[in-house]
Each structure stands twice: as C-alpha cells, then as structure tokens.
Amino acid sequence: MPSLSWSTTPHWRNYHHTQDRLKVETAALVPGPGPSDAISALRKTAELLGAVLAHAAQKRAPVNVLGSAWSFSDITKGPGGLAQTTLAQHVWRVDPADLGAAAVNRDRMVLVHAGTTIHELNAFLEPSLSLATSGAHDGQTVGGMLGTGVHGSALTYGGFQNHVRGVHIVTGPGESWWIERGPVPWLAAASARTLANHVVLEADLFDATLVHLGGLGIVNAVLLEAVPGFVVDLVRVKHPLTPAAIGQLQAGDYAGFAREVWPPSRDTPYYIEVILDPFHPYAGYRGDAHNAMVTLFYKREPNRAVARLATLPDVPHEPTHEPLNLLGRALAAQPEQDLLLPLPQAVAWLVAQEFKTEPAPGVAPRQLTWGGANGPHVRQKILGWEIELYNAAYAIERAHLATTLKTMLDAFHTHGGGHQVFTLSFVTKAAGLMAFTRFDDTVVINMDGLRTLNSADAARCVALALERDGIPFSQHWGKQGVITSTRVMRDFGMPTDSRSRAGRWRAARYRLLSPEMRGVLCSDALTAWGLA
C-alpha cells in the first residue's frame, strides 16, 4: 500500500530556484502495491494526505503542498513543512459503472492522481485521446496546474482546468470532498460517496477549486474529460510584425494572420505564439516592423505514423518553441556568449539563434502529438551552474493589444529594459473563479528571460505603466509579477464581498476548511494577496 515517508530536508529549493528554505520537514507520498481500482486507491492516498494535515495541526505549523514545485511565485513560501505529492502518479480509465449521467463520452473519462505530471498524463492518453491544451512544458503536475492556472495558447479552449469535471480534495484528517459543477453528476453518486464523506454538486464551489491557489485543501485527484486524439502540423517562421498584422491579431483574424505568415495555410491555426524582441520596433510604433518569431499549430486528424510520446520522463524529445527553452539551450551550447549578457539585447539575440524555421519550402510540416509538441523544460547549465530564469505574465483583453504593446514597450525602454523577450499567446477565458486569463478574448504577454535586477525592474515598471494608462490586466499566480492585495481586489473584487469572484473563492475556503485547517493550509502569498 502507499505510505508516507517523513524526512528533514537541510536545504530545499523549488524547481526554478526562486524559493529557498532551510531545514524543512517533508512528507512524501511513497507508492507501493495497493488496490488496482481507482476509488479504493484514491481513498488510501486521501487518508495519507489527511494524516499530513493532522500532523501539521498538532505542531501548529502550516504546510505547503508541492507538485513539481514549478511555480516561480511565493505560492509555496511559508514557515512550515512541505507535502510532496509527485510520487503518487497514476491515471485510470474510469469504469463505466462509476460514471454518472453527465458522462456522455464515457471512453474519454480518466481519473488522475493530482501528483501526476502532464508528461505522464499525455503518455497515458495518446494517441487515442489527447489534452486540448496545457502549458508550454510537461513537468507540472495536475494538482499544480489547478493551483495557479496555466494559459497555453489554444485559441478556443480556455485553460487546462477546462478539462476537469470533478475534484477530490482533502480538507483535514478523515475529511474529503467530491465536488462537481452539477446539476447532473459526472461520477456516479455511489462511487462519489465511497470516495468522499462530502459530495457536492455546486457551481461556485467547483469553480473555486479549478484555481485553488493552495488554499482550499489538498487536491487528491481529478476527473478529466479528454478530447479525441489528434496531431498538429508544426510551423515556425520569422515574419515581420507589421501594424496590419497586429490589427489582424487584435481583431481575432487568426486565419488572415496565419496566411500572411505562412502562405500555404488555408485554415485557422489551433495555436499561435509570437515571440518579440522588445529592443526592435513593432507595429509601426517606432518606425517599420521587425521580424518576430511565430509558432503555429494546425490541428489534424490522428496519424498512426506519428510516434507516441515516450512513457518514461527521462527519454528526451526535442523541446520546441518556448523561449525559456530556446534561451537555456543557446547559453548551454555557447557558454562563451555569457560575455554578452550585461547587454540586455543579448537575450533576444540568443533566443533568435535557437529558433529553427520550419518547414523548408516545399516540405510538409512536421507532425507531432500534443505531448510531443509541448516538450519538457530542460535544465541547462553554464560551467556547472544552472541558468536562472525570469518569467512574468500579464493577461489583457485582446481588444487592447496594440495600445498595450505600445505602453509596455514605452515602459520597457524608459526604464532601461530587461534581459527578456516578450511572448504573446492567444486564448479564450478559462474556467475558474480566480483564473487570471479572465477576459473573454485574452492575450497573455510573457516577459521571458534571465533573472536579473533589470528583468524584475522592467516587469514592475510595465505593470505600473498599464495601471497608469487604465489598461485592465491580471498577472499569472505562479510567475514573478508583482501581485498585491490591491491588484487582487481590482481584478477579482473584495474578498469580503460575497458577490465578487474573490469573495466567492474565500467563501469556499471558509466552507471547506475548519479554522484550524485554514491556519494549516496557508502560504505567505495567500496572506499577502488578502485571500487567507
């Protein structure tokens, strides 16, 4: 049976080395032989997670729950212990007898341990099924993805949490909840009652759990609805980002933009990502346009000739388009280029060197599964030192794209710039009360680069400039922007207002957790954001 392994970690760091903690007590879920059916197995891990919360309550110390510790932000920062869930990784096809009436596509339903990585989930689903969207990497866990939300760049789907149909969350020793939107159940009532001692079908409570911010309990498992398997044609080109191109993107004319970028295209892409060098003029704002780096995915029917994603996480597959991967790879391959790094422009130059244009003229695009197209983040080193990366992300309304770019670039240059590129992703509003991609038509603008004082200053100045110009925006909960309680209230309403998004989320926290457990499940970030 699975068990808990307790230890004291002398020095703990999160994945991206933005958080350091000394002498931390850690509880890790250790896999072991156990029941093969999903409901029995999940009852056991829920019992163990409840024991972690009981231990923390006895010590009167908070506990932060970790997936792969991917987040850059303070969401895992605090004075207490850590609970590591990534060793509990499993995906089950759901027995039809366990499904409720809402599960029409019964062959697409899977129950997933929250500690399962997106890599493992992709490997289980493909090629017959697929995720519709996810982040640009596959090292995050399912529970972690629901912790902060991830935006992806699928044009019409929303966020990863849009796959979720039910959430099993542990809120104390012997206390767990099965939560769905309702009114028709996705998991059969008998199975839900066997799994959890509280079964609730309520939209607000469900929407709160979809971006839980680590403050509603410990997510043990989720019920996901996948989509039929598909592959994508991958296109990567450098193309001038003209005023007309910005206008097409702002208007949602993705097909027109794609035809300009890659003339063989005759349909609308599934995915668009645009990497900008902020040290060059764009959109006619300071003169003519400069080449941007554009990645397009075109959704295609399954192709049996396309290799299935390797099931082992240490089997490499080529990282594709994501700028932090490109930067890390360039620095690792050409360590002598670190002499250029005092010049902020060097980061954009290095990213551009690693960006591979494809396909060649007259050659068919490369086809990949979703998991293959959104490859792993590969840690890179220079002379034995890991490259430390910076990543802030702002969600804006697509209708404000041209104005926002002008404001951001003005602020970036006025304050000396940062060691970064700007990356644009185009998505629709994601599910969840606290989803930062909260606009019906959203553009996410990432500031991707190296962790320097310049980078942090540039991101801070950009946020202030957006506020000065009255441009609505939200920041990614898991990245390195400057989220404050004032900004949370502006974006999501007063936490004390029962009608606001923040107020409804906080009401869910007070309903799910006892006063004792609210003290246990609390991070420095939740307190600073005014949500604790």
Protein backbone atom coordinates (compact mmCIF):
# COMPACT_ATOMS: atom_id res chain seq x y z
CA MET A 1 0.00 0.00 0.00
CA PRO A 2 1.16 3.61 -0.46
CA SER A 3 2.75 5.16 2.62
CA LEU A 4 4.22 8.39 3.94
CA SER A 5 7.95 9.00 4.16
CA TRP A 6 8.94 11.71 6.65
CA SER A 7 12.29 13.45 6.47
CA THR A 8 14.02 16.74 7.19
CA THR A 9 15.46 18.45 4.14
CA PRO A 10 18.53 20.58 5.01
CA HIS A 11 18.09 22.88 2.03
CA TRP A 12 15.01 22.93 -0.19
CA ARG A 13 14.65 24.90 -3.42
CA ASN A 14 11.75 24.99 -5.83
CA TYR A 15 12.23 23.91 -9.44
CA HIS A 16 13.22 27.34 -10.76
CA HIS A 17 15.25 28.29 -7.66
CA THR A 18 13.16 31.32 -6.75
CA GLN A 19 12.39 29.95 -3.25
CA ASP A 20 14.94 28.70 -0.69
CA ARG A 21 14.11 27.14 2.65
CA LEU A 22 16.38 25.63 5.28
CA LYS A 23 15.73 22.59 7.47
CA VAL A 24 12.24 21.81 6.22
CA GLU A 25 10.20 18.82 7.40
CA THR A 26 8.90 16.98 4.35
CA ALA A 27 6.24 14.32 3.95
CA ALA A 28 6.35 12.41 0.67
CA LEU A 29 3.75 10.01 -0.67
CA VAL A 30 5.59 6.79 -1.45
CA PRO A 31 3.96 4.41 -3.94
CA GLY A 32 3.53 0.76 -3.12
CA PRO A 33 1.39 -2.23 -4.04
CA GLY A 34 -2.22 -1.43 -3.42
CA PRO A 35 -5.73 -1.66 -4.79
CA SER A 36 -5.93 -1.51 -8.55
CA ASP A 37 -9.34 0.14 -8.73
CA ALA A 38 -9.30 3.92 -8.73
CA ILE A 39 -11.78 4.57 -5.92
CA SER A 40 -10.01 2.31 -3.38
CA ALA A 41 -6.56 3.63 -4.32
CA LEU A 42 -7.67 7.24 -4.01
CA ARG A 43 -9.29 6.59 -0.64
CA LYS A 44 -5.90 5.39 0.61
CA THR A 45 -3.94 8.41 -0.62
CA ALA A 46 -6.65 10.69 0.80
CA GLU A 47 -6.16 9.03 4.18
CA LEU A 48 -2.41 9.69 3.98
CA LEU A 49 -2.90 13.33 2.99
CA GLY A 50 -5.27 13.70 5.94
CA ALA A 51 -2.51 12.37 8.20
CA VAL A 52 -0.18 15.10 6.89
CA LEU A 53 -2.74 17.74 7.83
CA ALA A 54 -3.25 16.18 11.27
CA HIS A 55 0.50 16.22 11.88
CA ALA A 56 0.73 19.89 10.85
CA ALA A 57 -2.20 20.82 13.08
CA GLN A 58 -0.61 19.04 16.03
CA LYS A 59 2.57 21.04 15.51
CA ARG A 60 0.54 24.22 14.91
CA ALA A 61 2.54 24.82 11.76
CA PRO A 62 1.37 25.47 8.21
CA VAL A 63 2.09 23.05 5.41
CA ASN A 64 2.63 23.84 1.72
CA VAL A 65 1.66 21.18 -0.78
CA LEU A 66 4.04 20.58 -3.68
CA GLY A 67 3.60 19.02 -7.06
CA SER A 68 6.76 19.53 -9.05
CA ALA A 69 7.33 22.89 -7.28
CA TRP A 70 7.18 24.56 -10.68
CA SER A 71 5.77 27.98 -9.71
CA PHE A 72 8.13 30.96 -9.66
CA SER A 73 5.92 32.92 -7.22
CA ASP A 74 5.61 32.88 -3.41
CA ILE A 75 2.74 30.39 -3.52
CA THR A 76 4.96 27.70 -1.92
CA LYS A 77 6.64 30.11 0.51
CA GLY A 78 5.98 29.83 4.22
CA PRO A 79 7.45 28.89 7.59
CA GLY A 80 6.03 25.36 7.82
CA GLY A 81 6.50 21.92 6.31
CA LEU A 82 6.11 20.56 2.81
CA ALA A 83 3.96 17.74 1.44
CA GLN A 84 5.30 16.21 -1.77
CA THR A 85 2.67 14.56 -3.99
CA THR A 86 4.56 13.74 -7.19
CA LEU A 87 5.31 10.16 -6.09
CA ALA A 88 1.57 9.46 -6.24
CA GLN A 89 1.19 9.34 -10.01
CA HIS A 90 -1.48 7.25 -11.61
CA VAL A 91 -4.12 7.54 -14.30
CA TRP A 92 -7.15 5.24 -14.53
CA ARG A 93 -9.69 4.71 -17.25
CA VAL A 94 -12.97 5.07 -15.42
CA ASP A 95 -15.16 2.01 -15.06
CA PRO A 96 -18.47 2.84 -16.80
CA ALA A 97 -20.26 1.72 -13.64
CA ASP A 98 -18.55 4.59 -11.79
CA LEU A 99 -19.78 7.27 -14.20
CA GLY A 100 -22.88 9.42 -13.89
CA ALA A 101 -25.38 10.60 -16.47
CA ALA A 102 -23.36 13.68 -17.49
CA ALA A 103 -20.53 11.49 -18.84
CA VAL A 104 -21.85 11.04 -22.36
CA ASN A 105 -18.37 10.44 -23.86
CA ARG A 106 -17.60 7.66 -21.42
CA ASP A 107 -14.48 6.48 -23.23
CA ARG A 108 -12.85 9.89 -22.74
CA MET A 109 -13.05 9.96 -18.93
CA VAL A 110 -9.99 9.40 -16.74
CA LEU A 111 -9.36 9.70 -13.01
CA VAL A 112 -5.94 11.19 -12.31
CA HIS A 113 -3.88 11.43 -9.15
CA ALA A 114 -3.09 15.11 -8.58
CA GLY A 115 0.63 14.31 -8.34
CA THR A 116 0.67 13.01 -11.94
CA THR A 117 2.79 15.09 -14.29
CA ILE A 118 1.44 16.32 -17.60
CA HIS A 119 4.11 14.19 -19.29
CA GLU A 120 2.70 11.05 -17.69
CA LEU A 121 -0.87 12.10 -18.49
CA ASN A 122 -0.01 12.74 -22.15
CA ALA A 123 1.76 9.40 -22.35
CA PHE A 124 -1.32 7.63 -20.96
CA LEU A 125 -3.82 9.38 -23.24
CA GLU A 126 -2.04 9.40 -26.58
CA PRO A 127 -2.63 8.53 -29.35
CA SER A 128 -6.33 7.64 -28.98
CA LEU A 129 -7.04 10.62 -26.71
CA SER A 130 -5.43 13.98 -26.16
CA LEU A 131 -5.38 17.03 -23.96
CA ALA A 132 -6.91 20.01 -25.73
CA THR A 133 -4.44 22.41 -24.09
CA SER A 134 -1.75 22.59 -21.41
CA GLY A 135 1.30 24.70 -20.60
CA ALA A 136 4.38 25.01 -22.76
CA HIS A 137 6.13 22.38 -20.60
CA ASP A 138 5.06 18.99 -19.32
CA GLY A 139 6.78 18.84 -15.94
CA GLN A 140 3.94 20.40 -13.96
CA THR A 141 1.54 18.20 -12.02
CA VAL A 142 -2.21 18.10 -12.47
CA GLY A 143 -2.79 19.48 -8.96
CA GLY A 144 -0.22 22.21 -9.55
CA MET A 145 -1.85 23.21 -12.83
CA LEU A 146 -5.10 23.73 -10.93
CA GLY A 147 -3.17 25.59 -8.23
CA THR A 148 -2.29 28.64 -10.31
CA GLY A 149 -3.80 28.06 -13.75
CA VAL A 150 -1.76 27.84 -16.94
CA HIS A 151 -2.70 29.67 -20.10
CA GLY A 152 -1.44 27.58 -23.03
CA SER A 153 -2.12 29.02 -26.49
CA ALA A 154 -5.02 27.01 -27.92
CA LEU A 155 -7.21 29.68 -29.47
CA THR A 156 -10.66 28.49 -28.42
CA TYR A 157 -10.43 26.10 -25.46
CA GLY A 158 -9.65 28.11 -22.32
CA GLY A 159 -7.17 26.67 -19.80
CA PHE A 160 -6.10 23.20 -18.68
CA GLN A 161 -8.74 23.32 -15.93
CA ASN A 162 -11.45 23.31 -18.60
CA HIS A 163 -10.85 19.54 -18.89
CA VAL A 164 -11.87 18.98 -15.24
CA ARG A 165 -15.29 17.51 -14.42
CA GLY A 166 -14.80 16.65 -10.75
CA VAL A 167 -12.32 17.32 -7.95
CA HIS A 168 -11.48 15.21 -4.88
CA ILE A 169 -9.98 17.46 -2.22
CA VAL A 170 -8.76 16.54 1.28
CA THR A 171 -9.57 19.18 3.90
CA GLY A 172 -8.49 17.52 7.14
CA PRO A 173 -7.94 14.16 8.84
CA GLY A 174 -10.85 11.97 7.75
CA GLU A 175 -12.37 14.85 5.79
CA SER A 176 -12.61 14.98 2.00
CA TRP A 177 -14.99 16.40 -0.59
CA TRP A 178 -16.03 15.29 -4.05
CA ILE A 179 -17.03 18.46 -5.90
CA GLU A 180 -18.66 18.89 -9.32
CA ARG A 181 -20.42 21.75 -11.06
CA GLY A 182 -23.78 19.95 -11.26
CA PRO A 183 -26.66 19.60 -11.54
CA VAL A 184 -26.14 16.30 -13.41
CA PRO A 185 -23.32 14.15 -11.93
CA TRP A 186 -20.23 13.06 -13.84
CA LEU A 187 -19.23 10.48 -11.22
CA ALA A 188 -21.94 8.07 -10.08
CA ALA A 189 -23.38 9.04 -6.71
CA ALA A 190 -22.47 5.72 -5.08
CA SER A 191 -18.84 5.98 -6.23
CA ALA A 192 -18.59 9.59 -5.10
CA ARG A 193 -19.95 8.70 -1.64
CA THR A 194 -17.47 5.82 -1.39
CA LEU A 195 -14.61 8.19 -2.21
CA ALA A 196 -15.50 11.22 -0.08
CA ASN A 197 -17.58 11.93 3.01
CA HIS A 198 -18.93 15.16 1.45
CA VAL A 199 -20.39 15.08 -2.06
CA VAL A 200 -21.43 18.45 -3.50
CA LEU A 201 -22.63 19.49 -6.95
CA GLU A 202 -22.43 23.29 -6.83
CA ALA A 203 -21.07 25.65 -9.48
CA ASP A 204 -19.39 28.18 -7.17
CA LEU A 205 -17.62 25.58 -5.04
CA PHE A 206 -16.47 23.72 -8.14
CA ASP A 207 -15.25 26.90 -9.86
CA ALA A 208 -13.27 27.80 -6.75
CA THR A 209 -11.35 24.51 -6.85
CA LEU A 210 -10.34 24.96 -10.50
CA VAL A 211 -7.78 27.60 -9.44
CA HIS A 212 -7.35 26.65 -5.79
CA LEU A 213 -4.17 28.68 -5.01
CA GLY A 214 -3.17 26.06 -2.44
CA GLY A 215 -5.75 27.40 -0.03
CA LEU A 216 -8.77 25.10 -0.25
CA GLY A 217 -7.29 21.75 0.80
CA ILE A 218 -5.02 19.16 -0.80
CA VAL A 219 -6.25 18.05 -4.20
CA ASN A 220 -6.04 14.25 -4.27
CA ALA A 221 -7.50 13.51 -7.70
CA VAL A 222 -9.48 14.96 -10.57
CA LEU A 223 -11.89 13.53 -13.10
CA LEU A 224 -10.85 14.71 -16.57
CA GLU A 225 -12.61 14.59 -19.91
CA ALA A 226 -10.05 14.30 -22.70
CA VAL A 227 -10.71 15.01 -26.38
CA PRO A 228 -10.35 12.62 -29.32
CA GLY A 229 -6.72 12.09 -30.26
CA PHE A 230 -5.20 14.48 -32.79
CA VAL A 231 -1.84 15.60 -34.11
CA VAL A 232 -0.59 19.06 -35.04
CA ASP A 233 1.32 20.36 -38.03
CA LEU A 234 4.17 22.44 -36.61
CA VAL A 235 5.14 25.66 -38.41
CA ARG A 236 7.85 28.04 -37.13
CA VAL A 237 8.81 31.12 -39.13
CA LYS A 238 10.30 34.58 -38.72
CA HIS A 239 7.95 37.19 -40.08
CA PRO A 240 7.57 40.99 -39.91
CA LEU A 241 5.05 42.02 -37.29
CA THR A 242 3.51 44.95 -39.15
CA PRO A 243 0.73 47.29 -37.99
CA ALA A 244 -1.61 45.28 -40.21
CA ALA A 245 -0.53 42.02 -38.54
CA ILE A 246 -1.14 43.46 -35.08
CA GLY A 247 -4.54 44.62 -36.31
CA GLN A 248 -5.39 41.12 -37.53
CA LEU A 249 -4.44 39.59 -34.17
CA GLN A 250 -6.35 42.25 -32.25
CA ALA A 251 -9.44 41.60 -34.37
CA GLY A 252 -9.16 37.82 -33.94
CA ASP A 253 -8.46 37.31 -37.65
CA TYR A 254 -6.15 34.41 -36.93
CA ALA A 255 -6.63 32.78 -40.32
CA GLY A 256 -5.66 36.01 -42.11
CA PHE A 257 -2.60 36.46 -39.89
CA ALA A 258 -1.55 32.85 -40.50
CA ARG A 259 -1.88 33.20 -44.29
CA GLU A 260 0.47 36.19 -44.20
CA VAL A 261 2.96 34.35 -42.02
CA TRP A 262 2.81 31.02 -43.86
CA PRO A 263 1.16 31.35 -47.30
CA PRO A 264 0.44 27.61 -47.75
CA SER A 265 -2.07 27.91 -44.91
CA ARG A 266 -5.75 27.87 -45.89
CA ASP A 267 -7.32 27.36 -42.47
CA THR A 268 -7.31 28.79 -38.96
CA PRO A 269 -4.46 27.64 -36.70
CA TYR A 270 -5.20 25.80 -33.48
CA TYR A 271 -2.41 27.60 -31.64
CA ILE A 272 -0.45 30.85 -32.15
CA GLU A 273 2.62 32.06 -30.27
CA VAL A 274 4.57 35.20 -31.19
CA ILE A 275 7.99 36.00 -29.68
CA LEU A 276 9.04 39.66 -29.91
CA ASP A 277 12.44 41.24 -29.44
CA PRO A 278 11.48 44.32 -27.36
CA PHE A 279 14.61 46.17 -28.48
CA HIS A 280 13.30 46.41 -32.05
CA PRO A 281 10.33 48.43 -33.28
CA TYR A 282 6.97 46.75 -33.74
CA ALA A 283 3.58 47.55 -35.18
CA GLY A 284 4.70 50.80 -36.75
CA TYR A 285 5.02 52.23 -33.27
CA ARG A 286 8.63 53.35 -33.75
CA GLY A 287 9.01 53.03 -37.47
CA ASP A 288 8.92 49.90 -39.56
CA ALA A 289 8.38 46.36 -38.32
CA HIS A 290 10.97 43.81 -37.32
CA ASN A 291 10.89 40.05 -37.67
CA ALA A 292 9.02 38.27 -34.90
CA MET A 293 9.32 34.53 -34.24
CA VAL A 294 5.96 32.91 -34.88
CA THR A 295 4.88 29.36 -33.99
CA LEU A 296 1.67 27.93 -35.43
CA PHE A 297 0.00 24.59 -34.75
CA TYR A 298 -2.61 23.26 -37.19
CA LYS A 299 -4.90 20.58 -35.76
CA ARG A 300 -5.11 17.40 -37.87
CA GLU A 301 -6.75 14.00 -37.65
CA PRO A 302 -4.76 11.26 -35.87
CA ASN A 303 -1.85 9.90 -37.87
CA ARG A 304 -0.68 6.42 -36.89
CA ALA A 305 2.73 7.13 -38.36
CA VAL A 306 3.36 9.81 -35.72
CA ALA A 307 5.33 8.41 -32.81
CA ARG A 308 3.54 8.20 -29.48
CA LEU A 309 5.10 10.20 -26.67
CA ALA A 310 7.65 8.13 -24.75
CA THR A 311 6.25 6.98 -21.41
CA LEU A 312 9.46 7.47 -19.46
CA PRO A 313 10.12 11.06 -18.36
CA ASP A 314 13.89 10.71 -18.88
CA VAL A 315 13.52 9.79 -22.54
CA PRO A 316 14.31 13.05 -24.34
CA HIS A 317 12.20 14.58 -27.03
CA GLU A 318 13.13 17.85 -28.64
CA PRO A 319 11.90 20.96 -26.83
CA THR A 320 10.15 23.03 -29.45
CA HIS A 321 9.23 26.68 -29.41
CA GLU A 322 9.16 28.01 -25.84
CA PRO A 323 11.54 30.98 -25.32
CA LEU A 324 12.96 29.91 -21.96
CA ASN A 325 13.95 26.58 -23.55
CA LEU A 326 15.49 28.39 -26.50
CA LEU A 327 17.46 30.73 -24.26
CA GLY A 328 18.71 27.98 -21.97
CA ARG A 329 19.76 25.82 -24.90
CA ALA A 330 21.61 28.71 -26.55
CA LEU A 331 23.52 29.58 -23.41
CA ALA A 332 24.43 25.98 -22.67
CA ALA A 333 25.60 25.40 -26.25
CA GLN A 334 27.62 28.63 -26.45
CA PRO A 335 28.81 29.42 -22.92
CA GLU A 336 31.26 32.00 -24.28
CA GLN A 337 28.21 34.11 -25.08
CA ASP A 338 27.77 34.84 -21.39
CA LEU A 339 30.20 37.69 -22.02
CA LEU A 340 27.32 39.38 -23.84
CA LEU A 341 24.84 39.07 -21.02
CA PRO A 342 25.42 42.53 -19.49
CA LEU A 343 23.80 43.77 -22.70
CA PRO A 344 20.05 43.13 -22.39
CA GLN A 345 19.78 42.77 -26.15
CA ALA A 346 21.88 39.60 -25.96
CA VAL A 347 18.94 37.56 -24.64
CA ALA A 348 16.76 38.30 -27.66
CA TRP A 349 19.70 37.61 -29.96
CA LEU A 350 20.36 34.21 -28.34
CA VAL A 351 16.69 33.20 -28.48
CA ALA A 352 16.62 34.10 -32.18
CA GLN A 353 19.69 31.96 -32.86
CA GLU A 354 17.99 28.88 -31.44
CA PHE A 355 14.63 29.43 -33.15
CA LYS A 356 14.51 26.95 -36.06
CA THR A 357 12.46 27.94 -39.08
CA GLU A 358 10.45 25.04 -40.45
CA PRO A 359 9.24 23.52 -42.67
CA ALA A 360 11.61 24.18 -45.56
CA PRO A 361 9.95 25.37 -48.80
CA GLY A 362 8.13 22.52 -50.50
CA VAL A 363 8.41 20.26 -47.44
CA ALA A 364 5.37 19.13 -45.48
CA PRO A 365 5.20 20.34 -41.87
CA ARG A 366 6.38 18.03 -39.13
CA GLN A 367 3.52 16.32 -37.29
CA LEU A 368 3.53 15.80 -33.52
CA THR A 369 1.13 14.64 -30.84
CA TRP A 370 0.12 17.29 -28.32
CA GLY A 371 2.59 15.87 -25.81
CA GLY A 372 5.35 15.82 -28.40
CA ALA A 373 4.68 19.42 -29.43
CA ASN A 374 4.80 20.78 -25.88
CA GLY A 375 8.08 19.34 -24.80
CA PRO A 376 9.87 19.33 -21.47
CA HIS A 377 11.72 22.21 -19.94
CA VAL A 378 15.34 21.07 -19.93
CA ARG A 379 17.51 22.48 -17.17
CA GLN A 380 20.62 23.96 -18.69
CA LYS A 381 23.94 24.84 -17.06
CA ILE A 382 26.92 27.04 -17.79
CA LEU A 383 30.17 25.81 -16.23
CA GLY A 384 28.20 23.70 -13.79
CA TRP A 385 25.81 26.48 -12.72
CA GLU A 386 22.14 26.22 -13.56
CA ILE A 387 20.81 29.09 -15.63
CA GLU A 388 18.36 31.10 -13.53
CA LEU A 389 15.33 32.23 -15.48
CA TYR A 390 12.79 35.01 -15.09
CA ASN A 391 9.16 34.82 -16.15
CA ALA A 392 6.32 37.29 -15.57
CA ALA A 393 2.99 37.10 -17.41
CA TYR A 394 0.19 39.62 -17.96
CA ALA A 395 -3.28 38.77 -19.28
CA ILE A 396 -5.01 41.58 -21.19
CA GLU A 397 -8.12 41.98 -23.32
CA ARG A 398 -7.36 41.24 -26.96
CA ALA A 399 -9.17 44.43 -28.00
CA HIS A 400 -6.39 46.41 -26.25
CA LEU A 401 -3.46 44.60 -27.88
CA ALA A 402 -1.98 47.47 -29.94
CA THR A 403 -2.34 50.01 -27.12
CA THR A 404 -0.93 47.55 -24.58
CA LEU A 405 2.14 46.77 -26.68
CA LYS A 406 2.87 50.49 -27.03
CA THR A 407 2.50 51.04 -23.29
CA MET A 408 4.64 48.02 -22.41
CA LEU A 409 7.40 48.86 -24.87
CA ASP A 410 7.46 52.50 -23.76
CA ALA A 411 7.82 51.42 -20.13
CA PHE A 412 10.40 48.79 -21.02
CA HIS A 413 12.63 51.28 -22.85
CA THR A 414 12.09 54.22 -20.49
CA HIS A 415 13.41 52.19 -17.57
CA GLY A 416 16.38 50.65 -19.35
CA GLY A 417 14.86 47.36 -20.48
CA GLY A 418 15.40 43.89 -19.12
CA HIS A 419 17.16 40.69 -20.15
CA GLN A 420 13.96 39.41 -21.78
CA VAL A 421 11.84 38.76 -24.82
CA PHE A 422 8.06 39.28 -24.97
CA THR A 423 5.91 36.26 -25.87
CA LEU A 424 2.29 36.63 -26.96
CA SER A 425 -0.26 33.81 -26.59
CA PHE A 426 -3.93 33.99 -27.60
CA VAL A 427 -6.59 32.21 -25.54
CA THR A 428 -10.22 32.40 -24.52
CA LYS A 429 -11.46 32.91 -20.97
CA ALA A 430 -10.56 29.97 -18.74
CA ALA A 431 -12.81 28.25 -16.20
CA GLY A 432 -12.37 29.03 -12.52
CA LEU A 433 -13.28 31.94 -10.25
CA MET A 434 -9.65 33.02 -9.92
CA ALA A 435 -8.42 32.24 -13.42
CA PHE A 436 -6.02 35.04 -14.39
CA THR A 437 -7.00 34.63 -18.05
CA ARG A 438 -10.31 36.24 -17.13
CA PHE A 439 -11.22 38.12 -20.31
CA ASP A 440 -13.48 36.54 -22.94
CA ASP A 441 -10.72 37.06 -25.54
CA THR A 442 -7.37 37.16 -23.80
CA VAL A 443 -3.80 37.84 -24.88
CA VAL A 444 -1.13 36.65 -22.44
CA ILE A 445 2.09 38.64 -22.71
CA ASN A 446 5.01 36.87 -21.06
CA MET A 447 8.28 38.56 -20.23
CA ASP A 448 10.68 35.62 -20.59
CA GLY A 449 14.40 35.81 -19.91
CA LEU A 450 17.18 35.80 -17.37
CA ARG A 451 16.75 36.52 -13.68
CA THR A 452 18.46 39.88 -13.27
CA LEU A 453 17.60 43.11 -11.48
CA ASN A 454 16.91 44.62 -14.90
CA SER A 455 14.31 41.93 -15.63
CA ALA A 456 12.47 42.39 -12.34
CA ASP A 457 12.55 46.21 -12.66
CA ALA A 458 11.24 46.06 -16.23
CA ALA A 459 8.30 43.82 -15.27
CA ARG A 460 7.43 46.05 -12.31
CA CYS A 461 7.54 49.19 -14.48
CA VAL A 462 5.36 47.54 -17.12
CA ALA A 463 2.65 46.79 -14.53
CA LEU A 464 2.74 50.39 -13.27
CA ALA A 465 2.52 51.74 -16.82
CA LEU A 466 -0.52 49.57 -17.61
CA GLU A 467 -2.23 50.88 -14.48
CA ARG A 468 -1.31 54.47 -15.33
CA ASP A 469 -2.86 54.11 -18.80
CA GLY A 470 -6.01 52.43 -17.45
CA ILE A 471 -5.44 49.13 -19.29
CA PRO A 472 -7.10 46.21 -17.45
CA PHE A 473 -4.78 43.26 -16.81
CA SER A 474 -4.20 40.33 -14.46
CA GLN A 475 -0.99 38.52 -13.54
CA HIS A 476 -0.18 34.81 -13.56
CA TRP A 477 -0.44 33.47 -9.99
CA GLY A 478 2.58 31.21 -10.48
CA LYS A 479 5.01 33.68 -12.03
CA GLN A 480 7.19 36.59 -10.97
CA GLY A 481 4.98 39.60 -11.44
CA VAL A 482 4.11 41.81 -8.51
CA ILE A 483 0.74 40.62 -7.23
CA THR A 484 -0.60 42.70 -4.34
CA SER A 485 -3.84 42.65 -2.36
CA THR A 486 -4.83 45.91 -4.07
CA ARG A 487 -4.39 44.37 -7.52
CA VAL A 488 -6.28 41.24 -6.48
CA MET A 489 -9.21 43.38 -5.33
CA ARG A 490 -9.13 45.40 -8.55
CA ASP A 491 -9.18 42.25 -10.72
CA PHE A 492 -11.38 39.89 -8.67
CA GLY A 493 -13.26 42.11 -6.23
CA MET A 494 -13.20 42.49 -2.46
CA PRO A 495 -12.63 39.18 -0.63
CA THR A 496 -15.30 40.31 1.85
CA ASP A 497 -17.89 40.85 -0.91
CA SER A 498 -19.92 37.65 -1.26
CA ARG A 499 -20.84 38.58 -4.87
CA SER A 500 -17.28 39.10 -6.15
CA ARG A 501 -15.05 36.40 -7.57
CA ALA A 502 -12.56 36.79 -4.72
CA GLY A 503 -15.39 36.80 -2.18
CA ARG A 504 -16.91 33.62 -3.59
CA TRP A 505 -13.48 31.94 -3.62
CA ARG A 506 -12.86 32.94 0.00
CA ALA A 507 -16.35 31.72 0.97
CA ALA A 508 -15.35 28.32 -0.49
CA ARG A 509 -12.19 28.35 1.66
CA TYR A 510 -14.23 29.05 4.80
CA ARG A 511 -16.76 26.38 3.91
CA LEU A 512 -14.25 23.64 3.10
CA LEU A 513 -11.77 24.27 5.91
CA SER A 514 -12.18 24.43 9.65
CA PRO A 515 -10.49 27.39 11.42
CA GLU A 516 -7.67 25.06 12.41
CA MET A 517 -7.17 23.87 8.84
CA ARG A 518 -7.25 27.43 7.49
CA GLY A 519 -4.18 28.07 9.64
CA VAL A 520 -2.52 24.91 8.34
CA LEU A 521 -3.25 25.47 4.63
CA CYS A 522 -1.86 28.97 4.24
CA SER A 523 1.11 30.36 2.33
CA ASP A 524 2.85 33.72 2.53
CA ALA A 525 1.34 34.52 -0.87
CA LEU A 526 -2.28 33.90 0.21
CA THR A 527 -1.79 36.22 3.18
CA ALA A 528 -0.14 38.94 1.08
CA TRP A 529 -2.89 38.70 -1.55
CA GLY A 530 -5.60 39.22 1.09
CA LEU A 531 -7.20 35.83 0.43
CA ALA A 532 -6.29 33.91 3.60
